[in-house]
Amino acid sequence: MMEADYELAQRLQAEEQGELTIEERSKLFIELMDKRKKHFAKLRAEEIRRKPPTKAQKRNKDTELVKESFKKARVLQKKAGFYESSDEL
């Protein structure tokens, strides 16, 4: 971010000397704005990841874990032969 500001400052100084055309200035401005957008999007994403999960998110995660554990238990029980007779019905 600081590099972009530094480059922009240098190029603006060159602009004062009349070295940059309007197209070059507009291109530099667009590049700067794109970098700023990406930078702030990255900051927002980090902030969202830092927040603790809500109660509903915790509940959903716990529910998924319980379902997975029941599936694993069911597979183990089938391997051990507990459910073979009920599958024939």
N, C-alpha and C. Protein backbone atom coordinates (compact mmCIF):
# COMPACT_ATOMS: atom_id res chain seq x y z
N MET A 1 0.83 -1.18 0.00
CA MET A 1 0.00 0.00 0.00
C MET A 1 0.87 1.25 0.00
N MET A 2 1.92 1.20 0.81
CA MET A 2 2.79 2.36 0.91
C MET A 2 3.58 2.54 -0.39
N GLU A 3 3.93 1.40 -1.03
CA GLU A 3 4.65 1.48 -2.29
C GLU A 3 3.81 2.17 -3.34
N ALA A 4 2.53 1.86 -3.38
CA ALA A 4 1.64 2.46 -4.37
C ALA A 4 1.55 3.97 -4.14
N ASP A 5 1.46 4.38 -2.87
CA ASP A 5 1.40 5.80 -2.56
C ASP A 5 2.70 6.49 -2.96
N TYR A 6 3.81 5.82 -2.70
CA TYR A 6 5.11 6.39 -3.05
C TYR A 6 5.25 6.53 -4.56
N GLU A 7 4.86 5.48 -5.28
CA GLU A 7 4.92 5.53 -6.75
C GLU A 7 4.02 6.64 -7.29
N LEU A 8 2.85 6.75 -6.71
CA LEU A 8 1.92 7.79 -7.16
C LEU A 8 2.52 9.17 -6.91
N ALA A 9 3.14 9.35 -5.75
CA ALA A 9 3.76 10.64 -5.43
C ALA A 9 4.87 10.96 -6.43
N GLN A 10 5.68 9.96 -6.74
CA GLN A 10 6.75 10.17 -7.71
C GLN A 10 6.19 10.54 -9.07
N ARG A 11 5.18 9.84 -9.47
CA ARG A 11 4.61 10.09 -10.79
C ARG A 11 3.88 11.43 -10.84
N LEU A 12 3.30 11.82 -9.72
CA LEU A 12 2.66 13.13 -9.68
C LEU A 12 3.70 14.24 -9.80
N GLN A 13 4.87 14.01 -9.20
CA GLN A 13 5.95 14.98 -9.35
C GLN A 13 6.39 15.05 -10.81
N ALA A 14 6.46 13.89 -11.45
CA ALA A 14 6.82 13.86 -12.86
C ALA A 14 5.73 14.55 -13.68
N GLU A 15 4.50 14.43 -13.24
CA GLU A 15 3.39 15.08 -13.92
C GLU A 15 3.56 16.60 -13.89
N GLU A 16 3.99 17.09 -12.74
CA GLU A 16 4.21 18.52 -12.63
C GLU A 16 5.25 19.00 -13.64
N GLN A 17 6.15 18.12 -13.96
CA GLN A 17 7.17 18.45 -14.95
C GLN A 17 6.65 18.25 -16.37
N GLY A 18 5.43 17.75 -16.51
CA GLY A 18 4.81 17.60 -17.80
C GLY A 18 5.19 16.33 -18.53
N GLU A 19 5.67 15.30 -17.81
CA GLU A 19 6.12 14.08 -18.46
C GLU A 19 5.00 13.07 -18.71
N LEU A 20 3.95 13.10 -17.90
CA LEU A 20 2.88 12.12 -18.04
C LEU A 20 1.72 12.67 -18.86
N THR A 21 1.17 11.79 -19.68
CA THR A 21 0.00 12.17 -20.46
C THR A 21 -1.26 11.90 -19.66
N ILE A 22 -2.37 12.32 -20.17
CA ILE A 22 -3.65 12.11 -19.49
C ILE A 22 -3.95 10.61 -19.38
N GLU A 23 -3.65 9.84 -20.43
CA GLU A 23 -3.90 8.40 -20.40
C GLU A 23 -3.06 7.73 -19.33
N GLU A 24 -1.80 8.14 -19.20
CA GLU A 24 -0.93 7.54 -18.18
C GLU A 24 -1.43 7.88 -16.78
N ARG A 25 -1.87 9.12 -16.60
CA ARG A 25 -2.40 9.52 -15.29
C ARG A 25 -3.65 8.74 -14.95
N SER A 26 -4.54 8.58 -15.91
CA SER A 26 -5.77 7.85 -15.64
C SER A 26 -5.47 6.38 -15.35
N LYS A 27 -4.49 5.82 -16.06
CA LYS A 27 -4.11 4.43 -15.82
C LYS A 27 -3.53 4.28 -14.40
N LEU A 28 -2.67 5.19 -13.99
CA LEU A 28 -2.10 5.14 -12.65
C LEU A 28 -3.18 5.30 -11.57
N PHE A 29 -4.11 6.18 -11.82
CA PHE A 29 -5.19 6.38 -10.86
C PHE A 29 -6.04 5.13 -10.71
N ILE A 30 -6.34 4.49 -11.83
CA ILE A 30 -7.13 3.25 -11.79
C ILE A 30 -6.38 2.16 -11.06
N GLU A 31 -5.07 2.05 -11.31
CA GLU A 31 -4.26 1.05 -10.62
C GLU A 31 -4.26 1.30 -9.11
N LEU A 32 -4.13 2.55 -8.74
CA LEU A 32 -4.14 2.90 -7.32
C LEU A 32 -5.48 2.54 -6.68
N MET A 33 -6.56 2.85 -7.35
CA MET A 33 -7.88 2.54 -6.80
C MET A 33 -8.10 1.04 -6.69
N ASP A 34 -7.63 0.27 -7.68
CA ASP A 34 -7.75 -1.19 -7.61
C ASP A 34 -6.97 -1.74 -6.42
N LYS A 35 -5.76 -1.22 -6.21
CA LYS A 35 -4.95 -1.68 -5.08
C LYS A 35 -5.64 -1.35 -3.76
N ARG A 36 -6.23 -0.17 -3.68
CA ARG A 36 -6.94 0.22 -2.46
C ARG A 36 -8.14 -0.68 -2.21
N LYS A 37 -8.89 -0.98 -3.27
CA LYS A 37 -10.05 -1.87 -3.13
C LYS A 37 -9.63 -3.23 -2.60
N LYS A 38 -8.57 -3.79 -3.19
CA LYS A 38 -8.09 -5.10 -2.76
C LYS A 38 -7.60 -5.07 -1.32
N HIS A 39 -6.90 -4.00 -0.98
CA HIS A 39 -6.37 -3.88 0.37
C HIS A 39 -7.49 -3.85 1.41
N PHE A 40 -8.50 -3.02 1.16
CA PHE A 40 -9.59 -2.91 2.13
C PHE A 40 -10.49 -4.15 2.13
N ALA A 41 -10.62 -4.83 1.00
CA ALA A 41 -11.36 -6.09 0.96
C ALA A 41 -10.65 -7.13 1.81
N LYS A 42 -9.33 -7.14 1.72
CA LYS A 42 -8.53 -8.07 2.53
C LYS A 42 -8.71 -7.77 4.01
N LEU A 43 -8.71 -6.49 4.39
CA LEU A 43 -8.92 -6.12 5.79
C LEU A 43 -10.30 -6.54 6.28
N ARG A 44 -11.34 -6.35 5.45
CA ARG A 44 -12.70 -6.77 5.84
C ARG A 44 -12.77 -8.27 6.04
N ALA A 45 -12.12 -9.03 5.14
CA ALA A 45 -12.15 -10.49 5.25
C ALA A 45 -11.46 -10.94 6.53
N GLU A 46 -10.34 -10.32 6.87
CA GLU A 46 -9.63 -10.67 8.10
C GLU A 46 -10.50 -10.35 9.32
N GLU A 47 -11.20 -9.24 9.29
CA GLU A 47 -12.05 -8.86 10.41
C GLU A 47 -13.19 -9.86 10.59
N ILE A 48 -13.76 -10.32 9.51
CA ILE A 48 -14.85 -11.29 9.58
C ILE A 48 -14.34 -12.61 10.15
N ARG A 49 -13.14 -13.03 9.73
CA ARG A 49 -12.59 -14.29 10.24
C ARG A 49 -12.24 -14.21 11.72
N ARG A 50 -11.94 -13.02 12.21
CA ARG A 50 -11.57 -12.85 13.61
C ARG A 50 -12.76 -12.93 14.55
N LYS A 51 -13.96 -12.67 14.05
CA LYS A 51 -15.14 -12.68 14.91
C LYS A 51 -15.46 -14.11 15.35
N PRO A 52 -15.91 -14.28 16.59
CA PRO A 52 -16.33 -15.61 17.03
C PRO A 52 -17.64 -16.00 16.34
N PRO A 53 -17.89 -17.30 16.21
CA PRO A 53 -19.14 -17.72 15.55
C PRO A 53 -20.36 -17.36 16.40
N THR A 54 -21.48 -17.17 15.71
CA THR A 54 -22.73 -16.87 16.41
C THR A 54 -23.27 -18.15 17.04
N LYS A 55 -24.31 -18.01 17.84
CA LYS A 55 -24.91 -19.18 18.48
C LYS A 55 -25.45 -20.16 17.44
N ALA A 56 -26.08 -19.62 16.40
CA ALA A 56 -26.63 -20.48 15.35
C ALA A 56 -25.52 -21.22 14.61
N GLN A 57 -24.40 -20.54 14.35
CA GLN A 57 -23.29 -21.19 13.67
C GLN A 57 -22.70 -22.30 14.54
N LYS A 58 -22.58 -22.04 15.84
CA LYS A 58 -22.08 -23.07 16.76
C LYS A 58 -23.02 -24.27 16.77
N ARG A 59 -24.34 -24.00 16.84
CA ARG A 59 -25.33 -25.07 16.88
C ARG A 59 -25.26 -25.92 15.61
N ASN A 60 -25.14 -25.26 14.45
CA ASN A 60 -25.05 -26.00 13.19
C ASN A 60 -23.79 -26.87 13.15
N LYS A 61 -22.69 -26.33 13.64
CA LYS A 61 -21.44 -27.08 13.65
C LYS A 61 -21.57 -28.30 14.57
N ASP A 62 -22.15 -28.08 15.75
CA ASP A 62 -22.33 -29.19 16.69
C ASP A 62 -23.25 -30.26 16.09
N THR A 63 -24.31 -29.84 15.42
CA THR A 63 -25.24 -30.78 14.79
C THR A 63 -24.52 -31.61 13.73
N GLU A 64 -23.70 -30.96 12.92
CA GLU A 64 -22.95 -31.68 11.89
C GLU A 64 -22.01 -32.69 12.52
N LEU A 65 -21.35 -32.31 13.62
CA LEU A 65 -20.42 -33.22 14.29
C LEU A 65 -21.16 -34.44 14.84
N VAL A 66 -22.34 -34.22 15.42
CA VAL A 66 -23.13 -35.32 15.97
C VAL A 66 -23.57 -36.26 14.85
N LYS A 67 -24.02 -35.70 13.72
CA LYS A 67 -24.44 -36.52 12.58
C LYS A 67 -23.29 -37.37 12.07
N GLU A 68 -22.11 -36.76 11.96
CA GLU A 68 -20.94 -37.50 11.49
C GLU A 68 -20.59 -38.63 12.44
N SER A 69 -20.67 -38.35 13.75
CA SER A 69 -20.32 -39.40 14.71
C SER A 69 -21.33 -40.55 14.65
N PHE A 70 -22.62 -40.26 14.43
CA PHE A 70 -23.62 -41.31 14.30
C PHE A 70 -23.37 -42.14 13.04
N LYS A 71 -22.98 -41.48 11.95
CA LYS A 71 -22.68 -42.21 10.72
C LYS A 71 -21.51 -43.15 10.93
N LYS A 72 -20.47 -42.66 11.60
CA LYS A 72 -19.29 -43.49 11.86
C LYS A 72 -19.66 -44.68 12.76
N ALA A 73 -20.47 -44.41 13.77
CA ALA A 73 -20.89 -45.48 14.68
C ALA A 73 -21.72 -46.52 13.91
N ARG A 74 -22.57 -46.06 13.02
CA ARG A 74 -23.41 -46.97 12.23
C ARG A 74 -22.55 -47.86 11.34
N VAL A 75 -21.53 -47.28 10.72
CA VAL A 75 -20.63 -48.05 9.86
C VAL A 75 -19.89 -49.09 10.69
N LEU A 76 -19.41 -48.68 11.85
CA LEU A 76 -18.69 -49.63 12.71
C LEU A 76 -19.61 -50.76 13.18
N GLN A 77 -20.87 -50.42 13.49
CA GLN A 77 -21.81 -51.44 13.93
C GLN A 77 -22.16 -52.39 12.80
N LYS A 78 -22.26 -51.89 11.58
CA LYS A 78 -22.53 -52.76 10.44
C LYS A 78 -21.38 -53.72 10.22
N LYS A 79 -20.16 -53.20 10.38
CA LYS A 79 -18.98 -54.06 10.23
C LYS A 79 -18.96 -55.15 11.29
N ALA A 80 -19.44 -54.82 12.48
CA ALA A 80 -19.45 -55.78 13.57
C ALA A 80 -20.63 -56.75 13.45
N GLY A 81 -21.59 -56.46 12.57
CA GLY A 81 -22.70 -57.38 12.35
C GLY A 81 -23.97 -57.06 13.12
N PHE A 82 -24.09 -55.92 13.73
CA PHE A 82 -25.26 -55.61 14.52
C PHE A 82 -26.51 -55.36 13.67
N TYR A 83 -26.36 -54.83 12.45
CA TYR A 83 -27.52 -54.43 11.66
C TYR A 83 -27.78 -55.33 10.46
N GLU A 84 -27.12 -56.44 10.34
CA GLU A 84 -27.31 -57.31 9.17
C GLU A 84 -28.70 -57.89 9.13
N SER A 85 -29.25 -58.26 10.25
CA SER A 85 -30.59 -58.85 10.26
C SER A 85 -31.66 -57.80 9.95
N SER A 86 -31.47 -56.55 10.38
CA SER A 86 -32.47 -55.52 10.13
C SER A 86 -32.43 -55.06 8.65
N ASP A 87 -31.31 -55.24 7.95
CA ASP A 87 -31.22 -54.87 6.55
C ASP A 87 -32.05 -55.82 5.67
N GLU A 88 -32.27 -57.07 6.13
CA GLU A 88 -33.02 -58.04 5.36
C GLU A 88 -34.51 -57.76 5.41
N LEU A 89 -34.99 -57.06 6.41
CA LEU A 89 -36.43 -56.79 6.58
C LEU A 89 -36.85 -55.82 5.59
